[in-house]
Protein backbone atom coordinates (compact mmCIF):
# COMPACT_ATOMS: atom_id res chain seq x y z
CA MET A 1 -36.66 -21.44 24.44
CA PHE A 2 -35.63 -17.95 22.60
CA GLU A 3 -35.11 -19.65 19.62
CA VAL A 4 -38.45 -20.99 18.97
CA ILE A 5 -40.09 -17.57 19.45
CA ILE A 6 -37.50 -15.90 17.15
CA LEU A 7 -38.31 -18.39 14.39
CA LEU A 8 -41.95 -18.22 14.70
CA GLY A 9 -41.63 -14.58 14.65
CA ALA A 10 -39.57 -14.75 11.56
CA VAL A 11 -41.78 -16.83 9.65
CA VAL A 12 -44.66 -14.54 10.28
CA LEU A 13 -42.89 -11.61 9.02
CA VAL A 14 -41.77 -13.49 6.24
CA LEU A 15 -45.13 -14.48 5.19
CA TYR A 16 -46.36 -10.94 5.97
CA VAL A 17 -43.87 -8.84 4.03
CA GLY A 18 -43.44 -11.14 1.31
CA SER A 19 -40.27 -9.45 0.01
CA LEU A 20 -37.56 -11.57 -1.74
CA LEU A 21 -34.71 -9.20 -0.21
CA PHE A 22 -36.55 -9.05 3.33
CA THR A 23 -36.84 -12.81 3.48
CA THR A 24 -33.29 -13.30 2.23
CA VAL A 25 -32.16 -10.96 5.12
CA VAL A 26 -34.28 -12.89 7.56
CA LEU A 27 -33.06 -16.53 6.54
CA ILE A 28 -29.40 -15.04 6.92
CA LEU A 29 -30.13 -13.76 10.57
CA VAL A 30 -32.17 -17.04 11.61
CA ILE A 31 -29.34 -19.33 10.29
CA LEU A 32 -26.59 -17.27 12.02
CA PHE A 33 -28.49 -16.43 15.54
CA VAL A 34 -30.80 -19.42 15.78
CA LEU A 35 -28.85 -22.43 14.85
CA SER A 36 -26.65 -21.77 17.81
CA GLY A 37 -29.46 -22.22 20.13
CA VAL A 38 -30.67 -25.34 18.30
CA TYR A 39 -27.25 -27.05 18.55
CA SER A 40 -27.31 -25.60 21.97
CA MET A 41 -30.75 -27.31 22.79
CA VAL A 42 -29.80 -30.54 21.18
CA SER A 43 -26.29 -31.33 22.27
CA ILE A 44 -26.40 -29.62 25.67
CA ALA A 45 -29.64 -28.81 27.12
CA PRO A 46 -32.19 -26.55 26.40
CA PHE A 47 -32.57 -23.49 28.90
CA ILE A 48 -34.90 -24.23 31.84
CA VAL A 49 -35.45 -21.81 34.82
CA THR A 50 -33.76 -23.25 38.14
CA THR A 51 -35.96 -23.28 40.74
CA LYS A 52 -34.86 -20.99 44.00
CA ARG A 53 -34.85 -24.33 46.04
CA ARG A 54 -32.45 -26.11 43.76
CA ILE A 55 -30.26 -22.50 43.53
CA ASP A 56 -30.03 -22.66 47.32
CA ALA A 57 -28.81 -26.03 47.23
CA THR A 58 -26.46 -25.54 44.58
CA MET A 59 -25.08 -22.77 46.94
CA LYS A 60 -24.95 -25.11 50.05
CA LEU A 61 -23.48 -28.07 47.95
CA GLY A 62 -20.85 -25.92 46.12
CA ASN A 63 -19.51 -24.50 49.81
CA PHE A 64 -17.92 -21.62 47.62
CA LYS A 65 -14.91 -19.73 48.96
CA LYS A 66 -13.10 -16.54 48.16
CA THR A 67 -10.15 -18.43 46.34
CA ASP A 68 -12.57 -20.23 44.20
CA ASN A 69 -12.64 -19.93 40.30
CA VAL A 70 -16.13 -20.81 39.54
CA VAL A 71 -17.60 -21.96 35.98
CA GLU A 72 -21.39 -22.66 34.87
CA MET A 73 -21.41 -24.76 31.86
CA GLY A 74 -24.65 -23.16 30.28
CA CYS A 75 -25.34 -20.64 32.24
CA GLY A 76 -29.02 -19.69 31.03
CA ASP A 77 -30.11 -16.41 32.52
CA GLY A 78 -27.31 -16.03 34.35
CA ARG A 79 -29.11 -16.48 37.98
CA ILE A 80 -26.82 -19.12 39.18
CA ILE A 81 -23.29 -17.86 38.54
CA ASN A 82 -25.01 -14.13 39.66
CA GLU A 83 -25.59 -16.10 43.18
CA VAL A 84 -22.03 -17.27 43.14
CA ALA A 85 -20.57 -14.25 42.44
CA LYS A 86 -22.47 -12.49 45.01
CA ARG A 87 -20.59 -14.64 47.50
CA GLY A 88 -17.14 -13.24 46.75
CA VAL A 89 -15.61 -15.75 44.62
CA LYS A 90 -12.35 -14.97 43.10
CA SER A 91 -13.87 -15.48 39.55
CA ALA A 92 -17.34 -16.49 38.64
CA VAL A 93 -17.72 -17.39 34.88
CA GLY A 94 -20.78 -18.52 32.87
CA TYR A 95 -20.78 -19.74 29.58
CA GLU A 96 -23.80 -19.91 27.13
CA PHE A 97 -23.72 -20.94 23.55
CA SER A 98 -27.37 -20.04 22.69
CA PHE A 99 -27.11 -16.70 21.13
CA PHE A 100 -30.52 -15.01 22.27
CA THR A 101 -29.98 -16.65 25.92
CA TYR A 102 -26.53 -15.05 26.09
CA LEU A 103 -27.82 -11.47 25.21
CA PHE A 104 -30.58 -12.32 27.79
CA ALA A 105 -28.08 -13.13 30.31
CA LEU A 106 -26.20 -10.18 29.65
CA LEU A 107 -29.19 -7.81 30.14
CA LYS A 108 -29.99 -9.16 33.28
CA LYS A 109 -26.35 -8.91 34.52
CA TRP A 110 -26.46 -5.40 33.54
CA VAL A 111 -29.84 -4.64 35.35
CA ARG A 112 -29.03 -6.17 38.49
CA GLY A 113 -25.35 -4.85 38.33
CA GLY A 114 -23.77 -8.46 38.64
CA THR A 115 -19.92 -8.95 38.96
CA GLU A 116 -19.96 -12.63 37.38
CA VAL A 117 -18.58 -12.64 33.89
CA ILE A 118 -21.10 -13.80 31.06
CA LYS A 119 -19.05 -15.51 28.01
CA PHE A 120 -20.54 -16.38 24.68
CA GLY A 121 -19.02 -19.87 24.01
CA ASN A 122 -19.32 -23.59 23.48
CA ILE A 123 -18.62 -25.46 26.64
CA TRP A 124 -16.98 -28.21 25.00
CA LYS A 125 -13.91 -25.90 23.88
CA GLN A 126 -13.07 -24.59 27.52
CA ASP A 127 -10.14 -25.25 29.40
CA TYR A 128 -11.41 -26.52 33.00
CA ARG A 129 -8.19 -27.54 34.45
CA HIS A 130 -7.77 -24.35 36.81
CA VAL A 131 -11.09 -24.47 37.77
CA ASP A 132 -12.30 -25.02 41.52
CA ALA A 133 -15.92 -25.87 40.71
CA ILE A 134 -18.12 -26.25 38.05
CA ILE A 135 -21.86 -25.54 38.06
CA CYS A 136 -24.11 -27.68 35.32
CA PHE A 137 -27.78 -28.11 34.70
CA LEU A 138 -27.28 -30.44 31.48
CA SER A 139 -28.63 -33.46 29.57
CA ASP A 140 -27.84 -36.91 30.44
CA ASN A 141 -25.88 -37.37 27.00
CA ALA A 142 -24.20 -33.96 28.18
CA MET A 143 -23.13 -35.35 31.30
CA ASN A 144 -21.94 -38.46 29.78
CA ARG A 145 -19.78 -36.48 27.84
CA ILE A 146 -18.62 -34.74 30.66
CA LYS A 147 -17.46 -37.90 32.23
CA LYS A 148 -15.49 -39.04 29.29
CA GLU A 149 -13.69 -35.59 27.88
CA ILE A 150 -13.53 -33.13 31.37
CA TRP A 151 -13.59 -35.14 34.29
CA PRO A 152 -10.53 -36.94 33.66
CA LYS A 153 -8.73 -33.58 33.28
CA LEU A 154 -10.15 -31.84 36.30
CA LYS A 155 -7.35 -31.26 39.36
CA LYS A 156 -8.11 -32.81 42.54
CA GLY A 157 -10.60 -31.33 44.56
CA THR A 158 -12.58 -29.87 41.87
CA ARG A 159 -16.29 -29.89 42.56
CA VAL A 160 -18.92 -30.44 39.93
CA ILE A 161 -22.34 -29.49 41.14
CA SER A 162 -25.01 -30.73 38.75
CA ASN A 163 -28.68 -29.96 38.70
CA GLU A 164 -31.15 -32.59 37.98
CA PHE A 165 -28.72 -35.10 36.18
CA LYS A 166 -25.91 -37.64 37.39
CA ILE A 167 -22.49 -38.29 36.31
CA LYS A 168 -23.16 -41.99 35.67
CA GLY A 169 -20.50 -44.00 37.14
CA VAL A 170 -18.93 -41.48 39.49
CA LYS A 171 -20.15 -41.34 43.06
CA GLU A 172 -21.54 -38.36 44.49
CA ALA A 173 -20.28 -36.79 47.61
CA ASN A 174 -23.46 -35.16 48.64
CA GLU A 175 -27.09 -34.36 47.16
CA ALA A 176 -30.04 -32.23 48.18
CA HIS A 177 -33.05 -31.51 46.39
CA ARG A 178 -31.69 -33.51 43.15
CA VAL A 179 -28.95 -31.38 43.09
CA TYR A 180 -25.70 -33.78 43.04
CA LEU A 181 -22.17 -32.92 44.33
CA TYR A 182 -19.23 -34.34 42.98
CA VAL A 183 -15.65 -34.07 44.25
CA LYS A 184 -12.60 -35.26 41.90
CA ASN A 185 -10.50 -37.30 44.35
CA ASN A 186 -7.36 -38.16 42.03
C-alpha cells in the first residue's frame, strides 16, 4: 500500500525535477525500499487493515497466557500484536517485510507506548519452533507455504490463528468471524 504511494510520488518528483542526478537517487531509493514491499505484497499478502471484530475474535481464539511466546507474521501496522502484548504474554513479536509498513508500525508503537517488538524481517527466514502462537493474515499461497514449511516444524500445542485464509488440509479447532484457530496436535 505505502509502496504504491511512494512510487507514484517518486514518478511525479522525477518528472517535475528532471535532473539526472535526482532521478538516479530516486531510482536507487525506490529499488532499495519499494521492492521489499512489492515482494511482500506478491509473495505474502498486501497490508489490509483488520477490523475490530476480527481482532477481538483473534484475541478470544488465541486465549493468550502470560507464558506464551507469540509471533505475528506480517504484522502490518502492529495493531494485533499490540493487543496481544497488552494481555501480558511473555513475548509478542511482529515481523514485517515491507519497509514503509514496518516504519509505520514502529511509529504507531512509539506513539501508543506499546511493549511489543516490531522486527523488519522475512517471515520465511524465521525460526518458529519456540513459539506458542502464530497470528497471520496471509494469502492462500502463503498459507499453503506455511502448511508445507512451517507447520511440520511447530511444537505440539502451538496455535496458529489465521484471519480469513485457511490452512487447507488441516482441521481447524475453532472459528469466529472468519478467523480460524489451528492447534498442532503431534
